[in-house]
């Protein structure tokens, strides 16, 4: 079992983002940081060679959450990048 640690990071202008960190990965799947579902689809991916990371942008099929998954430099982490779509009841 792998535990993710989340923290809130404040950017310029008072904008806050939630970041999840784990040092080493023992799993071959990505979970949605909003609902925990493993039913996610990769939208696009790119390299950040100066920073040493490979980034994959995901969308959760269950809740619609958008997030980026960063891998590199001996660690990996998830950043929530968009609000999940709310469904009206």
N, C-alpha and C. Protein backbone atom coordinates (compact mmCIF):
# COMPACT_ATOMS: atom_id res chain seq x y z
N UNK A 1 0.84 -1.19 0.00
CA UNK A 1 0.00 0.00 0.00
C UNK A 1 0.88 1.25 0.00
N UNK A 2 0.50 2.22 -0.80
CA UNK A 2 1.25 3.46 -0.91
C UNK A 2 0.39 4.60 -0.38
N UNK A 3 0.96 5.45 0.43
CA UNK A 3 0.24 6.57 0.99
C UNK A 3 0.64 7.84 0.25
N UNK A 4 -0.37 8.61 -0.18
CA UNK A 4 -0.12 9.91 -0.78
C UNK A 4 -0.25 10.97 0.29
N UNK A 5 0.64 11.94 0.27
CA UNK A 5 0.59 13.06 1.19
C UNK A 5 0.17 14.29 0.41
N UNK A 6 -0.87 14.97 0.86
CA UNK A 6 -1.37 16.15 0.16
C UNK A 6 -1.05 17.41 0.95
N UNK A 7 -0.78 18.47 0.23
CA UNK A 7 -0.57 19.76 0.87
C UNK A 7 -1.17 20.84 -0.04
N UNK A 8 -1.46 21.98 0.51
CA UNK A 8 -1.99 23.10 -0.26
C UNK A 8 -0.86 24.09 -0.49
N UNK A 9 -0.67 24.47 -1.75
CA UNK A 9 0.38 25.40 -2.14
C UNK A 9 -0.29 26.69 -2.60
N UNK A 10 0.15 27.83 -2.06
CA UNK A 10 -0.41 29.12 -2.46
C UNK A 10 0.50 29.76 -3.49
N UNK A 11 -0.08 30.09 -4.63
CA UNK A 11 0.66 30.74 -5.71
C UNK A 11 0.45 32.24 -5.63
N UNK A 12 1.12 32.97 -6.53
CA UNK A 12 0.93 34.41 -6.59
C UNK A 12 -0.53 34.77 -6.83
N UNK A 13 -0.98 35.84 -6.26
CA UNK A 13 -2.36 36.27 -6.40
C UNK A 13 -3.32 35.54 -5.48
N UNK A 14 -2.78 34.76 -4.55
CA UNK A 14 -3.63 34.05 -3.59
C UNK A 14 -4.25 32.77 -4.12
N UNK A 15 -3.90 32.36 -5.35
CA UNK A 15 -4.45 31.14 -5.92
C UNK A 15 -3.85 29.93 -5.21
N UNK A 16 -4.68 28.98 -4.84
CA UNK A 16 -4.22 27.80 -4.13
C UNK A 16 -4.41 26.56 -4.99
N UNK A 17 -3.44 25.65 -4.92
CA UNK A 17 -3.56 24.36 -5.58
C UNK A 17 -3.25 23.28 -4.56
N UNK A 18 -3.78 22.10 -4.78
CA UNK A 18 -3.52 20.98 -3.90
C UNK A 18 -2.54 20.05 -4.59
N UNK A 19 -1.49 19.66 -3.90
CA UNK A 19 -0.47 18.79 -4.47
C UNK A 19 -0.38 17.51 -3.65
N UNK A 20 -0.24 16.40 -4.34
CA UNK A 20 -0.05 15.13 -3.65
C UNK A 20 1.34 14.59 -3.97
N UNK A 21 2.04 14.08 -2.99
CA UNK A 21 3.40 13.63 -3.19
C UNK A 21 3.57 12.20 -2.69
N UNK A 22 4.36 11.43 -3.41
CA UNK A 22 4.83 10.14 -2.92
C UNK A 22 6.24 9.95 -3.46
N UNK A 23 7.09 9.37 -2.64
CA UNK A 23 8.51 9.31 -3.00
C UNK A 23 8.79 8.23 -4.05
N UNK A 24 8.30 7.04 -3.84
CA UNK A 24 8.56 5.95 -4.77
C UNK A 24 7.25 5.29 -5.15
N UNK A 25 7.16 4.87 -6.39
CA UNK A 25 5.95 4.23 -6.86
C UNK A 25 6.12 2.72 -6.87
N UNK A 26 5.16 2.03 -6.31
CA UNK A 26 5.16 0.58 -6.38
C UNK A 26 3.95 0.10 -7.17
N UNK A 27 3.20 1.04 -7.74
CA UNK A 27 2.01 0.69 -8.49
C UNK A 27 2.19 1.05 -9.96
N UNK A 28 1.43 0.42 -10.82
CA UNK A 28 1.51 0.69 -12.25
C UNK A 28 0.26 1.41 -12.73
N UNK A 29 -0.48 2.02 -11.84
CA UNK A 29 -1.70 2.72 -12.21
C UNK A 29 -1.76 4.07 -11.51
N UNK A 30 -2.61 4.93 -12.04
CA UNK A 30 -2.79 6.27 -11.49
C UNK A 30 -4.21 6.36 -10.95
N UNK A 31 -4.37 6.96 -9.76
CA UNK A 31 -5.69 7.16 -9.17
C UNK A 31 -6.06 8.63 -9.23
N UNK A 32 -7.34 8.89 -9.38
CA UNK A 32 -7.86 10.25 -9.38
C UNK A 32 -7.70 10.85 -7.98
N UNK A 33 -7.10 12.05 -7.87
CA UNK A 33 -6.94 12.67 -6.54
C UNK A 33 -8.25 13.21 -5.98
N UNK A 34 -9.29 13.32 -6.80
CA UNK A 34 -10.58 13.82 -6.35
C UNK A 34 -11.43 12.71 -5.73
N UNK A 35 -11.59 11.59 -6.47
CA UNK A 35 -12.51 10.54 -6.00
C UNK A 35 -11.84 9.20 -5.73
N UNK A 36 -10.56 9.04 -6.09
CA UNK A 36 -9.84 7.80 -5.84
C UNK A 36 -10.05 6.71 -6.87
N UNK A 37 -10.78 7.00 -7.92
CA UNK A 37 -11.05 6.02 -8.97
C UNK A 37 -9.80 5.74 -9.79
N UNK A 38 -9.67 4.49 -10.26
CA UNK A 38 -8.57 4.12 -11.15
C UNK A 38 -9.00 4.23 -12.61
N UNK A 39 -10.24 4.60 -12.86
CA UNK A 39 -10.78 4.72 -14.22
C UNK A 39 -10.45 6.11 -14.76
N UNK A 40 -9.20 6.31 -15.19
CA UNK A 40 -8.74 7.59 -15.70
C UNK A 40 -8.21 7.40 -17.11
N UNK A 41 -8.25 8.47 -17.91
CA UNK A 41 -7.72 8.42 -19.26
C UNK A 41 -6.64 9.48 -19.44
N UNK A 42 -5.57 9.12 -20.12
CA UNK A 42 -4.50 10.06 -20.41
C UNK A 42 -4.95 10.94 -21.57
N UNK A 43 -4.91 12.25 -21.38
CA UNK A 43 -5.32 13.19 -22.40
C UNK A 43 -4.13 13.57 -23.28
N UNK A 44 -3.01 13.90 -22.65
CA UNK A 44 -1.77 14.21 -23.37
C UNK A 44 -0.60 14.08 -22.42
N UNK A 45 0.60 14.06 -22.97
CA UNK A 45 1.80 14.01 -22.14
C UNK A 45 2.92 14.80 -22.82
N UNK A 46 3.86 15.25 -22.01
CA UNK A 46 4.98 16.03 -22.52
C UNK A 46 6.16 15.92 -21.58
N UNK A 47 7.33 16.31 -22.08
CA UNK A 47 8.58 16.29 -21.32
C UNK A 47 8.90 17.69 -20.83
N UNK A 48 9.48 17.76 -19.65
CA UNK A 48 10.03 19.01 -19.11
C UNK A 48 11.52 18.75 -18.86
N UNK A 49 12.34 18.76 -19.91
CA UNK A 49 13.75 18.36 -19.76
C UNK A 49 14.56 19.22 -18.80
N UNK A 50 14.31 20.52 -18.74
CA UNK A 50 15.07 21.38 -17.81
C UNK A 50 14.75 21.06 -16.36
N UNK A 51 13.51 20.65 -16.10
CA UNK A 51 13.09 20.30 -14.74
C UNK A 51 13.31 18.82 -14.45
N UNK A 52 13.46 18.02 -15.49
CA UNK A 52 13.71 16.60 -15.31
C UNK A 52 12.46 15.76 -15.07
N UNK A 53 11.30 16.22 -15.56
CA UNK A 53 10.05 15.50 -15.35
C UNK A 53 9.37 15.14 -16.66
N UNK A 54 8.62 14.06 -16.63
CA UNK A 54 7.68 13.71 -17.70
C UNK A 54 6.29 13.91 -17.11
N UNK A 55 5.44 14.66 -17.81
CA UNK A 55 4.12 15.02 -17.31
C UNK A 55 3.05 14.36 -18.16
N UNK A 56 2.04 13.80 -17.52
CA UNK A 56 0.89 13.25 -18.22
C UNK A 56 -0.36 13.90 -17.65
N UNK A 57 -1.18 14.44 -18.53
CA UNK A 57 -2.44 15.09 -18.14
C UNK A 57 -3.55 14.05 -18.21
N UNK A 58 -4.29 13.88 -17.11
CA UNK A 58 -5.34 12.87 -17.02
C UNK A 58 -6.70 13.50 -16.77
N UNK A 59 -7.74 12.77 -17.21
CA UNK A 59 -9.14 13.11 -16.91
C UNK A 59 -9.78 11.87 -16.31
N UNK A 60 -10.47 12.04 -15.19
CA UNK A 60 -11.16 10.93 -14.54
C UNK A 60 -12.49 10.69 -15.24
N UNK A 61 -12.74 9.44 -15.62
CA UNK A 61 -14.00 9.11 -16.29
C UNK A 61 -15.17 9.08 -15.31
N UNK A 62 -14.89 8.91 -14.03
CA UNK A 62 -15.96 8.81 -13.04
C UNK A 62 -16.47 10.18 -12.61
N UNK A 63 -15.56 11.09 -12.21
CA UNK A 63 -15.98 12.39 -11.69
C UNK A 63 -15.63 13.57 -12.60
N UNK A 64 -14.83 13.34 -13.64
CA UNK A 64 -14.46 14.42 -14.56
C UNK A 64 -13.31 15.28 -14.09
N UNK A 65 -12.64 14.90 -13.00
CA UNK A 65 -11.52 15.68 -12.48
C UNK A 65 -10.34 15.69 -13.43
N UNK A 66 -9.63 16.81 -13.48
CA UNK A 66 -8.44 16.96 -14.32
C UNK A 66 -7.22 17.10 -13.43
N UNK A 67 -6.15 16.37 -13.77
CA UNK A 67 -4.94 16.46 -12.97
C UNK A 67 -3.72 16.07 -13.81
N UNK A 68 -2.55 16.53 -13.36
CA UNK A 68 -1.28 16.21 -14.00
C UNK A 68 -0.49 15.28 -13.10
N UNK A 69 0.16 14.31 -13.72
CA UNK A 69 0.97 13.32 -13.02
C UNK A 69 2.42 13.52 -13.46
N UNK A 70 3.29 13.90 -12.53
CA UNK A 70 4.69 14.20 -12.81
C UNK A 70 5.56 13.04 -12.35
N UNK A 71 6.51 12.61 -13.20
CA UNK A 71 7.45 11.54 -12.86
C UNK A 71 8.85 12.01 -13.24
N UNK A 72 9.80 11.84 -12.32
CA UNK A 72 11.18 12.19 -12.61
C UNK A 72 11.95 12.50 -11.34
N UNK A 73 13.25 12.55 -11.47
CA UNK A 73 14.15 12.88 -10.35
C UNK A 73 13.93 11.99 -9.13
N UNK A 74 13.59 10.72 -9.36
CA UNK A 74 13.45 9.78 -8.26
C UNK A 74 12.17 9.91 -7.46
N UNK A 75 11.21 10.67 -7.96
CA UNK A 75 9.93 10.78 -7.26
C UNK A 75 8.83 11.09 -8.26
N UNK A 76 7.61 11.06 -7.78
CA UNK A 76 6.45 11.39 -8.60
C UNK A 76 5.41 12.08 -7.75
N UNK A 77 4.60 12.92 -8.39
CA UNK A 77 3.56 13.62 -7.65
C UNK A 77 2.43 14.02 -8.59
N UNK A 78 1.29 14.36 -7.99
CA UNK A 78 0.08 14.70 -8.71
C UNK A 78 -0.32 16.12 -8.35
N UNK A 79 -0.68 16.92 -9.36
CA UNK A 79 -1.23 18.26 -9.14
C UNK A 79 -2.62 18.32 -9.73
N UNK A 80 -3.57 18.75 -8.94
CA UNK A 80 -4.92 18.99 -9.45
C UNK A 80 -4.88 20.26 -10.28
N UNK A 81 -5.31 20.22 -11.53
CA UNK A 81 -5.19 21.38 -12.40
C UNK A 81 -6.53 21.97 -12.81
N UNK A 82 -7.61 21.31 -12.56
CA UNK A 82 -8.91 21.85 -12.94
C UNK A 82 -9.99 21.33 -12.03
N UNK A 83 -11.02 22.12 -11.86
CA UNK A 83 -12.12 21.64 -11.02
C UNK A 83 -12.84 20.49 -11.70
N UNK A 84 -13.27 19.54 -10.91
CA UNK A 84 -14.03 18.46 -11.52
C UNK A 84 -15.40 18.99 -11.89
N UNK A 85 -15.95 18.41 -12.94
CA UNK A 85 -17.28 18.83 -13.39
C UNK A 85 -18.33 18.32 -12.41
N UNK A 86 -19.19 19.19 -11.99
CA UNK A 86 -20.27 18.81 -11.08
C UNK A 86 -21.48 18.40 -11.92
N UNK A 87 -22.12 17.31 -11.54
CA UNK A 87 -23.33 16.89 -12.23
C UNK A 87 -24.53 17.36 -11.43
N UNK A 88 -25.49 17.93 -12.10
CA UNK A 88 -26.68 18.39 -11.39
C UNK A 88 -27.62 17.22 -11.12
N UNK A 89 -28.20 17.21 -9.94
CA UNK A 89 -29.06 16.09 -9.55
C UNK A 89 -30.51 16.35 -9.88
